[in-house]
């Protein structure tokens, strides 16, 4: 219960921080579109990114493949999106996979417009996590599962045609996983650092039927 209260408090602080960011954005000229404004209400959005890195030394090599959450969302109004997303990561040493992780869940993202081409965006993810890792006591893979809660801000740049670039610059997250042999492993991330920066791209899709204009 104590740990749950700590977790709830952390994400309450995140929510207050995002609200504060929204208020500050309004002072900087940011605003939320009205429901009757011309906006993305009723559209779908897909987004994501893919990263690959490799380190090679004279004695060994290691590589990492990861995807930031790849998601599908729906604009419930001109400012807020809800949806589902999925992420994958894999680490290999000397071409042998030592860790792979999947996570899938739901997300919610409110936004404010900052002029014509910029957006201030917040996003909250709630994910179920599962995967495999090399056991510390044997040269074999063991299964793990758990959950992740994450909140982070982004700056969006509107490119036109429904496309936008998204820049993530901070994060507050909690990852908890467990295996059959061990108890819960807890990982926390909070603040701004190299690991909390990221770049992705999104595309809005409009499947709504276009209404014919009446020229009479």
N, C-alpha and C. Protein backbone atom coordinates (compact mmCIF):
# COMPACT_ATOMS: atom_id res chain seq x y z
N UNK A 1 0.82 -1.20 0.00
CA UNK A 1 0.00 0.00 0.00
C UNK A 1 0.86 1.26 0.00
N UNK A 2 1.97 1.20 0.78
CA UNK A 2 2.87 2.34 0.84
C UNK A 2 3.47 2.62 -0.53
N UNK A 3 3.87 1.50 -1.22
CA UNK A 3 4.46 1.66 -2.55
C UNK A 3 3.42 2.18 -3.54
N UNK A 4 2.18 1.73 -3.44
CA UNK A 4 1.11 2.19 -4.32
C UNK A 4 0.86 3.68 -4.11
N UNK A 5 0.84 4.11 -2.86
CA UNK A 5 0.64 5.53 -2.57
C UNK A 5 1.76 6.37 -3.16
N UNK A 6 2.99 5.86 -3.08
CA UNK A 6 4.13 6.57 -3.65
C UNK A 6 4.00 6.69 -5.15
N UNK A 7 3.54 5.62 -5.79
CA UNK A 7 3.37 5.62 -7.25
C UNK A 7 2.29 6.61 -7.66
N UNK A 8 1.14 6.56 -6.98
CA UNK A 8 0.03 7.46 -7.28
C UNK A 8 0.47 8.91 -7.08
N UNK A 9 1.22 9.17 -6.00
CA UNK A 9 1.69 10.52 -5.73
C UNK A 9 2.61 11.02 -6.85
N UNK A 10 3.50 10.13 -7.33
CA UNK A 10 4.43 10.51 -8.39
C UNK A 10 3.70 10.93 -9.65
N UNK A 11 2.68 10.15 -10.02
CA UNK A 11 1.96 10.47 -11.24
C UNK A 11 0.97 11.61 -11.04
N UNK A 12 0.57 11.86 -9.81
CA UNK A 12 -0.21 13.06 -9.53
C UNK A 12 0.65 14.30 -9.74
N UNK A 13 1.92 14.22 -9.30
CA UNK A 13 2.85 15.32 -9.53
C UNK A 13 3.05 15.53 -11.02
N UNK A 14 3.14 14.41 -11.78
CA UNK A 14 3.30 14.52 -13.24
C UNK A 14 2.10 15.22 -13.86
N UNK A 15 0.90 14.86 -13.40
CA UNK A 15 -0.30 15.49 -13.91
C UNK A 15 -0.34 16.97 -13.61
N UNK A 16 0.06 17.33 -12.38
CA UNK A 16 0.10 18.74 -12.00
C UNK A 16 1.13 19.50 -12.83
N UNK A 17 2.26 18.84 -13.12
CA UNK A 17 3.30 19.48 -13.92
C UNK A 17 2.80 19.73 -15.34
N UNK A 18 2.08 18.74 -15.90
CA UNK A 18 1.54 18.91 -17.25
C UNK A 18 0.50 20.02 -17.28
N UNK A 19 -0.34 20.08 -16.23
CA UNK A 19 -1.34 21.14 -16.16
C UNK A 19 -0.65 22.49 -16.07
N UNK A 20 0.42 22.56 -15.27
CA UNK A 20 1.19 23.80 -15.16
C UNK A 20 1.78 24.18 -16.51
N UNK A 21 2.25 23.16 -17.25
CA UNK A 21 2.79 23.42 -18.59
C UNK A 21 1.72 23.97 -19.51
N UNK A 22 0.50 23.43 -19.39
CA UNK A 22 -0.61 23.92 -20.22
C UNK A 22 -0.90 25.39 -19.90
N UNK A 23 -0.90 25.73 -18.62
CA UNK A 23 -1.17 27.11 -18.22
C UNK A 23 -0.08 28.04 -18.71
N UNK A 24 1.18 27.59 -18.57
CA UNK A 24 2.29 28.40 -19.05
C UNK A 24 2.21 28.59 -20.56
N UNK A 25 1.81 27.53 -21.27
CA UNK A 25 1.68 27.62 -22.72
C UNK A 25 0.60 28.63 -23.10
N UNK A 26 -0.46 28.71 -22.30
CA UNK A 26 -1.50 29.67 -22.59
C UNK A 26 -0.98 31.09 -22.44
N UNK A 27 -0.11 31.32 -21.44
CA UNK A 27 0.50 32.63 -21.28
C UNK A 27 1.43 32.95 -22.44
N UNK A 28 2.01 31.90 -23.08
CA UNK A 28 2.90 32.09 -24.22
C UNK A 28 2.15 32.18 -25.53
N UNK A 29 0.82 32.19 -25.47
CA UNK A 29 0.03 32.28 -26.69
C UNK A 29 -0.58 30.96 -27.10
N UNK A 30 -0.42 29.91 -26.28
CA UNK A 30 -1.00 28.61 -26.59
C UNK A 30 -2.49 28.60 -26.32
N UNK A 31 -3.21 27.75 -27.01
CA UNK A 31 -4.66 27.67 -26.82
C UNK A 31 -5.15 26.31 -27.25
N UNK A 32 -6.32 25.94 -26.78
CA UNK A 32 -6.99 24.72 -27.19
C UNK A 32 -8.07 25.09 -28.21
N UNK A 33 -8.14 24.31 -29.28
CA UNK A 33 -9.13 24.57 -30.31
C UNK A 33 -10.53 24.27 -29.79
N UNK A 34 -11.51 25.03 -30.23
CA UNK A 34 -12.90 24.77 -29.87
C UNK A 34 -13.44 23.64 -30.74
N UNK A 35 -14.50 23.00 -30.27
CA UNK A 35 -15.06 21.87 -31.00
C UNK A 35 -15.59 22.26 -32.37
N UNK A 36 -16.03 23.51 -32.53
CA UNK A 36 -16.56 23.93 -33.82
C UNK A 36 -15.48 24.54 -34.72
N UNK A 37 -14.21 24.57 -34.24
CA UNK A 37 -13.11 25.03 -35.09
C UNK A 37 -12.75 23.94 -36.09
N UNK A 38 -12.10 24.35 -37.17
CA UNK A 38 -11.62 23.40 -38.17
C UNK A 38 -10.39 22.70 -37.60
N UNK A 39 -10.54 21.43 -37.22
CA UNK A 39 -9.45 20.70 -36.59
C UNK A 39 -9.54 19.21 -36.85
N UNK A 40 -8.75 18.43 -36.13
CA UNK A 40 -8.66 16.99 -36.41
C UNK A 40 -9.72 16.13 -35.72
N UNK A 41 -10.71 16.72 -35.08
CA UNK A 41 -11.73 15.92 -34.40
C UNK A 41 -12.31 14.87 -35.34
N UNK A 42 -12.34 13.59 -34.87
CA UNK A 42 -12.88 12.51 -35.69
C UNK A 42 -11.86 11.83 -36.57
N UNK A 43 -10.62 12.34 -36.60
CA UNK A 43 -9.57 11.72 -37.40
C UNK A 43 -8.82 10.67 -36.58
N UNK A 44 -8.08 9.81 -37.28
CA UNK A 44 -7.17 8.86 -36.65
C UNK A 44 -5.74 9.36 -36.79
N UNK A 45 -4.88 8.91 -35.88
CA UNK A 45 -3.47 9.28 -35.95
C UNK A 45 -2.61 8.05 -35.74
N UNK A 46 -1.58 7.88 -36.57
CA UNK A 46 -0.57 6.84 -36.35
C UNK A 46 0.75 7.54 -36.09
N UNK A 47 1.59 6.93 -35.24
CA UNK A 47 2.86 7.57 -34.91
C UNK A 47 3.86 6.50 -34.48
N UNK A 48 5.13 6.88 -34.46
CA UNK A 48 6.15 5.96 -33.98
C UNK A 48 7.54 6.35 -34.44
N UNK A 49 8.52 5.54 -34.06
CA UNK A 49 9.90 5.71 -34.48
C UNK A 49 10.63 4.38 -34.29
N UNK A 50 11.78 4.23 -34.94
CA UNK A 50 12.58 3.02 -34.86
C UNK A 50 14.04 3.42 -34.70
N UNK A 51 14.73 2.81 -33.72
CA UNK A 51 16.12 3.15 -33.44
C UNK A 51 17.00 1.90 -33.51
N UNK A 52 18.23 2.09 -33.98
CA UNK A 52 19.21 1.00 -34.01
C UNK A 52 20.57 1.57 -33.66
N UNK A 53 21.29 0.92 -32.75
CA UNK A 53 22.63 1.35 -32.40
C UNK A 53 23.53 0.13 -32.26
N UNK A 54 24.82 0.30 -32.56
CA UNK A 54 25.77 -0.80 -32.47
C UNK A 54 27.11 -0.28 -31.98
N UNK A 55 27.69 -1.01 -31.04
CA UNK A 55 29.01 -0.68 -30.49
C UNK A 55 29.95 -1.86 -30.75
N UNK A 56 31.06 -1.59 -31.40
CA UNK A 56 32.02 -2.64 -31.72
C UNK A 56 33.38 -2.31 -31.12
N UNK A 57 33.96 -3.28 -30.41
CA UNK A 57 35.30 -3.15 -29.85
C UNK A 57 36.15 -4.30 -30.41
N UNK A 58 37.48 -4.24 -30.21
CA UNK A 58 38.31 -5.34 -30.70
C UNK A 58 37.93 -6.71 -30.15
N UNK A 59 37.30 -6.74 -28.98
CA UNK A 59 37.00 -8.03 -28.35
C UNK A 59 35.54 -8.43 -28.41
N UNK A 60 34.62 -7.49 -28.64
CA UNK A 60 33.19 -7.84 -28.64
C UNK A 60 32.39 -6.79 -29.38
N UNK A 61 31.11 -7.09 -29.54
CA UNK A 61 30.19 -6.13 -30.15
C UNK A 61 28.84 -6.24 -29.47
N UNK A 62 28.11 -5.15 -29.45
CA UNK A 62 26.76 -5.16 -28.87
C UNK A 62 25.87 -4.27 -29.71
N UNK A 63 24.60 -4.60 -29.76
CA UNK A 63 23.65 -3.82 -30.55
C UNK A 63 22.33 -3.73 -29.83
N UNK A 64 21.58 -2.66 -30.15
CA UNK A 64 20.26 -2.44 -29.56
C UNK A 64 19.29 -2.04 -30.67
N UNK A 65 18.16 -2.70 -30.71
CA UNK A 65 17.07 -2.34 -31.62
C UNK A 65 15.87 -1.98 -30.75
N UNK A 66 15.27 -0.85 -31.03
CA UNK A 66 14.11 -0.46 -30.21
C UNK A 66 13.16 0.38 -31.04
N UNK A 67 11.91 0.31 -30.67
CA UNK A 67 10.89 1.17 -31.26
C UNK A 67 10.24 1.94 -30.14
N UNK A 68 10.20 3.26 -30.30
CA UNK A 68 9.37 4.03 -29.38
C UNK A 68 7.95 3.54 -29.60
N UNK A 69 7.07 3.74 -28.63
CA UNK A 69 5.72 3.20 -28.85
C UNK A 69 5.18 3.57 -30.22
N UNK A 70 4.79 2.55 -30.98
CA UNK A 70 4.12 2.74 -32.26
C UNK A 70 2.62 2.66 -31.98
N UNK A 71 1.92 3.73 -32.27
CA UNK A 71 0.54 3.80 -31.79
C UNK A 71 -0.48 4.19 -32.84
N UNK A 72 -1.72 3.89 -32.50
CA UNK A 72 -2.89 4.30 -33.26
C UNK A 72 -3.83 5.00 -32.31
N UNK A 73 -4.22 6.22 -32.66
CA UNK A 73 -5.10 6.99 -31.80
C UNK A 73 -6.28 7.59 -32.53
N UNK A 74 -7.22 8.10 -31.75
CA UNK A 74 -8.43 8.71 -32.30
C UNK A 74 -8.67 10.04 -31.60
N UNK A 75 -8.90 11.11 -32.38
CA UNK A 75 -9.16 12.44 -31.82
C UNK A 75 -10.60 12.50 -31.33
N UNK A 76 -10.77 12.51 -30.00
CA UNK A 76 -12.11 12.60 -29.43
C UNK A 76 -12.65 14.04 -29.51
N UNK A 77 -11.74 15.00 -29.65
CA UNK A 77 -12.09 16.38 -29.96
C UNK A 77 -10.91 16.97 -30.73
N UNK A 78 -10.83 18.27 -30.87
CA UNK A 78 -9.76 18.86 -31.65
C UNK A 78 -8.42 18.92 -30.92
N UNK A 79 -8.38 18.48 -29.65
CA UNK A 79 -7.16 18.61 -28.87
C UNK A 79 -6.69 17.31 -28.22
N UNK A 80 -7.59 16.37 -27.96
CA UNK A 80 -7.25 15.19 -27.17
C UNK A 80 -7.35 13.91 -28.00
N UNK A 81 -6.36 13.03 -27.78
CA UNK A 81 -6.29 11.77 -28.52
C UNK A 81 -6.22 10.62 -27.51
N UNK A 82 -6.93 9.53 -27.77
CA UNK A 82 -6.81 8.30 -27.00
C UNK A 82 -6.53 7.17 -27.98
N UNK A 83 -5.83 6.14 -27.50
CA UNK A 83 -5.53 5.05 -28.42
C UNK A 83 -4.78 3.91 -27.77
N UNK A 84 -4.22 3.05 -28.61
CA UNK A 84 -3.44 1.89 -28.18
C UNK A 84 -2.06 1.98 -28.82
N UNK A 85 -1.03 1.43 -28.16
CA UNK A 85 0.31 1.45 -28.73
C UNK A 85 1.12 0.22 -28.31
N UNK A 86 2.24 0.03 -28.98
CA UNK A 86 3.11 -1.13 -28.78
C UNK A 86 4.56 -0.71 -28.94
N UNK A 87 5.44 -1.27 -28.12
CA UNK A 87 6.87 -0.98 -28.22
C UNK A 87 7.67 -2.26 -28.06
N UNK A 88 8.86 -2.28 -28.68
CA UNK A 88 9.72 -3.46 -28.65
C UNK A 88 11.18 -3.02 -28.51
N UNK A 89 11.94 -3.75 -27.74
CA UNK A 89 13.37 -3.49 -27.64
C UNK A 89 14.13 -4.80 -27.51
N UNK A 90 15.36 -4.82 -28.02
CA UNK A 90 16.18 -6.03 -28.00
C UNK A 90 17.64 -5.65 -27.88
N UNK A 91 18.37 -6.33 -27.00
CA UNK A 91 19.80 -6.15 -26.83
C UNK A 91 20.52 -7.45 -27.19
N UNK A 92 21.63 -7.32 -27.92
CA UNK A 92 22.42 -8.49 -28.30
C UNK A 92 23.90 -8.21 -28.03
N UNK A 93 24.61 -9.22 -27.57
CA UNK A 93 26.04 -9.14 -27.32
C UNK A 93 26.71 -10.26 -28.11
N UNK A 94 27.67 -9.89 -28.97
CA UNK A 94 28.34 -10.86 -29.83
C UNK A 94 27.32 -11.70 -30.61
N UNK A 95 26.30 -11.01 -31.11
CA UNK A 95 25.25 -11.61 -31.95
C UNK A 95 24.34 -12.57 -31.19
N UNK A 96 24.45 -12.60 -29.87
CA UNK A 96 23.56 -13.42 -29.05
C UNK A 96 22.59 -12.51 -28.30
N UNK A 97 21.30 -12.76 -28.46
CA UNK A 97 20.29 -11.94 -27.79
C UNK A 97 20.32 -12.21 -26.29
N UNK A 98 20.47 -11.15 -25.51
CA UNK A 98 20.50 -11.29 -24.05
C UNK A 98 19.27 -10.68 -23.39
N UNK A 99 18.52 -9.91 -24.14
CA UNK A 99 17.34 -9.26 -23.55
C UNK A 99 16.39 -8.84 -24.67
N UNK A 100 15.11 -9.13 -24.51
CA UNK A 100 14.10 -8.62 -25.42
C UNK A 100 12.81 -8.35 -24.65
N UNK A 101 12.19 -7.25 -24.98
CA UNK A 101 11.03 -6.78 -24.21
C UNK A 101 9.95 -6.28 -25.14
N UNK A 102 8.71 -6.63 -24.82
CA UNK A 102 7.53 -6.13 -25.50
C UNK A 102 6.67 -5.37 -24.48
N UNK A 103 5.98 -4.38 -24.96
CA UNK A 103 5.00 -3.71 -24.10
C UNK A 103 3.87 -3.17 -24.96
N UNK A 104 2.66 -3.28 -24.44
CA UNK A 104 1.48 -2.83 -25.16
C UNK A 104 0.47 -2.29 -24.17
N UNK A 105 -0.30 -1.31 -24.60
CA UNK A 105 -1.28 -0.74 -23.68
C UNK A 105 -2.05 0.40 -24.30
N UNK A 106 -2.52 1.28 -23.44
CA UNK A 106 -3.35 2.41 -23.85
C UNK A 106 -2.61 3.72 -23.57
N UNK A 107 -3.03 4.78 -24.26
CA UNK A 107 -2.41 6.08 -24.05
C UNK A 107 -3.44 7.19 -24.24
N UNK A 108 -3.12 8.33 -23.63
CA UNK A 108 -3.95 9.53 -23.72
C UNK A 108 -3.05 10.72 -23.92
N UNK A 109 -3.43 11.62 -24.82
CA UNK A 109 -2.56 12.75 -25.16
C UNK A 109 -3.37 14.02 -25.40
N UNK A 110 -3.31 15.00 -24.48
CA UNK A 110 -3.89 16.32 -24.73
C UNK A 110 -2.85 17.24 -25.36
N UNK A 111 -3.30 18.32 -26.01
CA UNK A 111 -2.35 19.22 -26.66
C UNK A 111 -2.86 20.65 -26.65
N UNK A 112 -1.92 21.57 -26.84
CA UNK A 112 -2.20 22.99 -27.00
C UNK A 112 -1.51 23.46 -28.27
N UNK A 113 -2.15 24.35 -29.01
CA UNK A 113 -1.52 24.92 -30.19
C UNK A 113 -0.68 26.12 -29.78
N UNK A 114 0.51 26.22 -30.36
CA UNK A 114 1.41 27.36 -30.14
C UNK A 114 1.63 28.02 -31.49
N UNK A 115 0.70 28.86 -31.87
CA UNK A 115 0.78 29.44 -33.19
C UNK A 115 0.28 28.47 -34.24
N UNK A 116 0.72 28.68 -35.47
CA UNK A 116 0.20 27.90 -36.60
C UNK A 116 0.93 26.58 -36.79
N UNK A 117 2.22 26.52 -36.41
CA UNK A 117 3.04 25.36 -36.76
C UNK A 117 3.59 24.57 -35.57
N UNK A 118 3.26 24.97 -34.36
CA UNK A 118 3.84 24.29 -33.20
C UNK A 118 2.74 23.83 -32.23
N UNK A 119 3.04 22.73 -31.52
CA UNK A 119 2.13 22.16 -30.53
C UNK A 119 2.90 21.84 -29.27
N UNK A 120 2.27 22.04 -28.13
CA UNK A 120 2.77 21.53 -26.85
C UNK A 120 1.89 20.35 -26.48
N UNK A 121 2.51 19.17 -26.33
CA UNK A 121 1.77 17.92 -26.17
C UNK A 121 2.19 17.23 -24.89
N UNK A 122 1.25 16.62 -24.21
CA UNK A 122 1.54 15.73 -23.08
C UNK A 122 1.02 14.35 -23.44
N UNK A 123 1.69 13.31 -22.93
CA UNK A 123 1.21 11.95 -23.18
C UNK A 123 1.41 11.09 -21.95
N UNK A 124 0.42 10.24 -21.69
CA UNK A 124 0.47 9.29 -20.58
C UNK A 124 0.24 7.90 -21.14
N UNK A 125 1.15 6.94 -20.82
CA UNK A 125 1.04 5.55 -21.26
C UNK A 125 0.83 4.64 -20.06
N UNK A 126 0.02 3.62 -20.23
CA UNK A 126 -0.13 2.54 -19.25
C UNK A 126 0.01 1.23 -20.00
N UNK A 127 1.11 0.48 -19.73
CA UNK A 127 1.46 -0.69 -20.54
C UNK A 127 1.62 -1.95 -19.71
N UNK A 128 1.25 -3.06 -20.31
CA UNK A 128 1.64 -4.39 -19.83
C UNK A 128 2.95 -4.75 -20.51
N UNK A 129 3.90 -5.30 -19.75
CA UNK A 129 5.24 -5.58 -20.25
C UNK A 129 5.53 -7.07 -20.13
N UNK A 130 6.17 -7.65 -21.16
CA UNK A 130 6.60 -9.05 -21.09
C UNK A 130 7.83 -9.22 -21.96
N UNK A 131 8.63 -10.25 -21.67
CA UNK A 131 9.81 -10.51 -22.47
C UNK A 131 10.68 -11.60 -21.90
N UNK A 132 11.94 -11.63 -22.34
CA UNK A 132 12.91 -12.63 -21.89
C UNK A 132 14.25 -11.96 -21.64
N UNK A 133 15.00 -12.50 -20.68
CA UNK A 133 16.34 -12.01 -20.38
C UNK A 133 17.23 -13.18 -19.97
N UNK A 134 18.53 -13.00 -20.14
CA UNK A 134 19.46 -14.05 -19.76
C UNK A 134 19.46 -14.19 -18.25
N UNK A 135 19.32 -15.42 -17.78
CA UNK A 135 19.30 -15.69 -16.35
C UNK A 135 20.68 -15.44 -15.76
N UNK A 136 20.71 -14.89 -14.56
CA UNK A 136 21.98 -14.63 -13.91
C UNK A 136 22.66 -15.88 -13.39
N UNK A 137 21.93 -16.96 -13.27
CA UNK A 137 22.50 -18.19 -12.72
C UNK A 137 22.73 -19.27 -13.77
N UNK A 138 22.23 -19.06 -14.99
CA UNK A 138 22.38 -20.07 -16.04
C UNK A 138 22.41 -19.39 -17.39
N UNK A 139 23.06 -20.05 -18.33
CA UNK A 139 23.16 -19.50 -19.68
C UNK A 139 21.90 -19.84 -20.46
N UNK A 140 20.79 -19.31 -20.01
CA UNK A 140 19.50 -19.56 -20.65
C UNK A 140 18.61 -18.34 -20.45
N UNK A 141 17.55 -18.26 -21.25
CA UNK A 141 16.63 -17.14 -21.17
C UNK A 141 15.49 -17.47 -20.22
N UNK A 142 15.10 -16.49 -19.43
CA UNK A 142 13.96 -16.65 -18.54
C UNK A 142 12.92 -15.59 -18.84
N UNK A 143 11.67 -15.94 -18.64
CA UNK A 143 10.57 -15.03 -18.94
C UNK A 143 10.36 -14.05 -17.80
N UNK A 144 9.90 -12.87 -18.14
CA UNK A 144 9.50 -11.89 -17.13
C UNK A 144 8.25 -11.17 -17.64
N UNK A 145 7.53 -10.55 -16.71
CA UNK A 145 6.38 -9.72 -17.07
C UNK A 145 6.19 -8.65 -16.01
N UNK A 146 5.36 -7.68 -16.31
CA UNK A 146 5.14 -6.59 -15.38
C UNK A 146 4.33 -5.49 -16.02
N UNK A 147 4.60 -4.25 -15.62
CA UNK A 147 3.86 -3.12 -16.17
C UNK A 147 4.72 -1.86 -16.14
N UNK A 148 4.35 -0.89 -16.96
CA UNK A 148 5.02 0.40 -17.02
C UNK A 148 3.98 1.51 -17.02
N UNK A 149 4.22 2.54 -16.24
CA UNK A 149 3.44 3.78 -16.27
C UNK A 149 4.40 4.90 -16.67
N UNK A 150 3.98 5.74 -17.60
CA UNK A 150 4.90 6.75 -18.11
C UNK A 150 4.14 8.01 -18.50
N UNK A 151 4.73 9.18 -18.20
CA UNK A 151 4.18 10.47 -18.60
C UNK A 151 5.32 11.32 -19.14
N UNK A 152 5.07 12.04 -20.24
CA UNK A 152 6.14 12.85 -20.81
C UNK A 152 5.56 13.97 -21.69
N UNK A 153 6.32 15.08 -21.82
CA UNK A 153 5.91 16.18 -22.70
C UNK A 153 6.61 16.09 -24.05
N UNK A 154 5.99 16.68 -25.06
CA UNK A 154 6.57 16.73 -26.40
C UNK A 154 6.31 18.10 -27.02
N UNK A 155 7.19 18.46 -27.95
CA UNK A 155 6.95 19.60 -28.83
C UNK A 155 6.68 19.06 -30.22
N UNK A 156 5.57 19.50 -30.82
CA UNK A 156 5.22 19.05 -32.16
C UNK A 156 5.42 20.15 -33.18
N UNK A 157 5.91 19.78 -34.36
CA UNK A 157 6.07 20.71 -35.48
C UNK A 157 5.18 20.22 -36.61
N UNK A 158 4.21 21.02 -37.01
CA UNK A 158 3.27 20.66 -38.06
C UNK A 158 3.94 20.84 -39.41
N UNK A 159 3.98 19.76 -40.20
CA UNK A 159 4.63 19.78 -41.50
C UNK A 159 3.67 19.98 -42.65
N UNK A 160 2.38 19.79 -42.40
CA UNK A 160 1.39 19.90 -43.47
C UNK A 160 0.99 18.53 -43.98
N UNK A 161 -0.20 18.45 -44.56
CA UNK A 161 -0.69 17.20 -45.09
C UNK A 161 -0.97 16.15 -44.03
N UNK A 162 -1.18 16.57 -42.79
CA UNK A 162 -1.42 15.64 -41.70
C UNK A 162 -0.17 15.12 -41.03
N UNK A 163 1.03 15.50 -41.50
CA UNK A 163 2.29 15.03 -40.94
C UNK A 163 2.78 15.98 -39.86
N UNK A 164 3.47 15.41 -38.85
CA UNK A 164 4.07 16.23 -37.79
C UNK A 164 5.29 15.52 -37.21
N UNK A 165 6.28 16.29 -36.82
CA UNK A 165 7.42 15.77 -36.08
C UNK A 165 7.16 15.98 -34.60
N UNK A 166 7.54 15.00 -33.77
CA UNK A 166 7.33 15.08 -32.34
C UNK A 166 8.68 14.93 -31.62
N UNK A 167 9.00 15.86 -30.72
CA UNK A 167 10.26 15.85 -29.98
C UNK A 167 9.97 15.66 -28.49
N UNK A 168 10.34 14.52 -27.96
CA UNK A 168 10.19 14.23 -26.53
C UNK A 168 11.43 14.72 -25.80
N UNK A 169 11.25 15.46 -24.69
CA UNK A 169 12.40 16.07 -24.04
C UNK A 169 12.48 15.82 -22.54
N UNK A 170 11.59 15.04 -21.97
CA UNK A 170 11.65 14.71 -20.55
C UNK A 170 10.76 13.50 -20.30
N UNK A 171 10.83 12.94 -19.09
CA UNK A 171 10.04 11.74 -18.80
C UNK A 171 9.93 11.51 -17.31
N UNK A 172 8.79 10.99 -16.92
CA UNK A 172 8.58 10.43 -15.58
C UNK A 172 7.96 9.06 -15.79
N UNK A 173 8.68 8.01 -15.39
CA UNK A 173 8.16 6.66 -15.67
C UNK A 173 8.55 5.69 -14.56
N UNK A 174 7.79 4.61 -14.49
CA UNK A 174 8.04 3.54 -13.53
C UNK A 174 7.83 2.22 -14.25
N UNK A 175 8.85 1.35 -14.22
CA UNK A 175 8.77 0.02 -14.82
C UNK A 175 8.97 -1.02 -13.72
N UNK A 176 8.05 -1.97 -13.62
CA UNK A 176 8.16 -3.05 -12.64
C UNK A 176 8.02 -4.38 -13.36
N UNK A 177 9.01 -5.26 -13.19
CA UNK A 177 8.98 -6.58 -13.81
C UNK A 177 9.37 -7.63 -12.78
N UNK A 178 8.97 -8.87 -13.04
CA UNK A 178 9.33 -9.97 -12.15
C UNK A 178 9.48 -11.26 -12.95
N UNK A 179 10.29 -12.18 -12.43
CA UNK A 179 10.45 -13.52 -12.99
C UNK A 179 10.00 -14.53 -11.95
N UNK A 180 9.96 -15.80 -12.33
CA UNK A 180 9.57 -16.83 -11.37
C UNK A 180 10.61 -17.00 -10.27
N UNK A 181 11.88 -16.77 -10.62
CA UNK A 181 12.95 -16.99 -9.65
C UNK A 181 13.19 -15.78 -8.75
N UNK A 182 12.81 -14.58 -9.20
CA UNK A 182 13.10 -13.37 -8.45
C UNK A 182 11.83 -12.58 -8.19
N UNK A 183 11.94 -11.63 -7.27
CA UNK A 183 10.81 -10.75 -6.99
C UNK A 183 10.76 -9.60 -7.97
N UNK A 184 10.08 -8.55 -7.58
CA UNK A 184 9.89 -7.39 -8.45
C UNK A 184 11.19 -6.62 -8.61
N UNK A 185 11.49 -6.25 -9.85
CA UNK A 185 12.58 -5.32 -10.16
C UNK A 185 11.95 -4.00 -10.57
N UNK A 186 12.35 -2.92 -9.91
CA UNK A 186 11.72 -1.62 -10.14
C UNK A 186 12.72 -0.65 -10.74
N UNK A 187 12.30 0.02 -11.79
CA UNK A 187 13.14 1.00 -12.46
C UNK A 187 12.37 2.31 -12.60
N UNK A 188 12.99 3.40 -12.17
CA UNK A 188 12.36 4.71 -12.24
C UNK A 188 13.18 5.65 -13.12
N UNK A 189 12.50 6.48 -13.89
CA UNK A 189 13.14 7.52 -14.68
C UNK A 189 12.40 8.82 -14.41
N UNK A 190 13.14 9.88 -14.10
CA UNK A 190 12.51 11.17 -13.84
C UNK A 190 13.47 12.28 -14.24
N UNK A 191 12.98 13.23 -15.03
CA UNK A 191 13.80 14.38 -15.36
C UNK A 191 14.14 14.47 -16.83
N UNK A 192 15.23 15.22 -17.10
CA UNK A 192 15.70 15.47 -18.45
C UNK A 192 17.11 14.94 -18.57
N UNK A 193 17.33 14.03 -19.52
CA UNK A 193 18.66 13.48 -19.76
C UNK A 193 18.71 12.94 -21.18
N UNK A 194 19.86 12.43 -21.60
CA UNK A 194 19.98 11.90 -22.95
C UNK A 194 19.01 10.77 -23.21
N UNK A 195 18.74 9.95 -22.19
CA UNK A 195 17.85 8.80 -22.39
C UNK A 195 16.39 9.19 -22.49
N UNK A 196 16.04 10.43 -22.09
CA UNK A 196 14.65 10.86 -22.15
C UNK A 196 14.34 11.65 -23.42
N UNK A 197 15.34 11.90 -24.26
CA UNK A 197 15.10 12.60 -25.52
C UNK A 197 14.72 11.60 -26.61
N UNK A 198 13.87 12.01 -27.51
CA UNK A 198 13.48 11.15 -28.62
C UNK A 198 12.78 11.95 -29.70
N UNK A 199 12.81 11.41 -30.91
CA UNK A 199 12.16 12.06 -32.06
C UNK A 199 11.27 11.02 -32.75
N UNK A 200 10.07 11.41 -33.08
CA UNK A 200 9.16 10.54 -33.79
C UNK A 200 8.38 11.31 -34.85
N UNK A 201 7.56 10.63 -35.59
CA UNK A 201 6.76 11.25 -36.63
C UNK A 201 5.33 10.72 -36.53
N UNK A 202 4.38 11.55 -36.89
CA UNK A 202 2.97 11.12 -36.85
C UNK A 202 2.26 11.56 -38.11
N UNK A 203 1.17 10.88 -38.40
CA UNK A 203 0.36 11.18 -39.57
C UNK A 203 -1.11 11.07 -39.20
N UNK A 204 -1.88 12.11 -39.48
CA UNK A 204 -3.32 12.09 -39.27
C UNK A 204 -4.02 11.53 -40.50
N UNK A 205 -5.00 10.67 -40.26
CA UNK A 205 -5.76 10.04 -41.33
C UNK A 205 -7.23 10.40 -41.17
N UNK A 206 -7.81 10.90 -42.24
CA UNK A 206 -9.21 11.35 -42.20
C UNK A 206 -10.05 10.44 -43.09
N UNK A 207 -10.88 9.59 -42.46
CA UNK A 207 -11.75 8.69 -43.20
C UNK A 207 -13.19 9.21 -43.26
N UNK A 208 -13.37 10.42 -42.78
CA UNK A 208 -14.72 10.97 -42.79
C UNK A 208 -15.14 11.34 -44.21
N UNK A 209 -16.41 11.18 -44.49
CA UNK A 209 -16.93 11.56 -45.79
C UNK A 209 -16.97 13.09 -45.90
N UNK A 210 -16.44 13.58 -46.98
CA UNK A 210 -16.45 15.03 -47.21
C UNK A 210 -17.84 15.49 -47.60
N UNK A 211 -18.30 16.54 -46.92
CA UNK A 211 -19.61 17.09 -47.25
C UNK A 211 -19.50 18.03 -48.47
N UNK A 212 -20.42 17.85 -49.38
CA UNK A 212 -20.43 18.71 -50.57
C UNK A 212 -20.89 20.11 -50.20
N UNK A 213 -20.19 21.10 -50.73
CA UNK A 213 -20.57 22.47 -50.45
C UNK A 213 -21.77 22.88 -51.29
N UNK A 214 -22.67 23.57 -50.65
CA UNK A 214 -23.86 24.07 -51.36
C UNK A 214 -23.60 25.49 -51.84
N UNK A 215 -23.48 25.64 -53.15
CA UNK A 215 -23.15 26.96 -53.72
C UNK A 215 -24.37 27.85 -53.86
N UNK A 216 -25.57 27.29 -53.62
CA UNK A 216 -26.79 28.09 -53.76
C UNK A 216 -27.02 28.96 -52.53
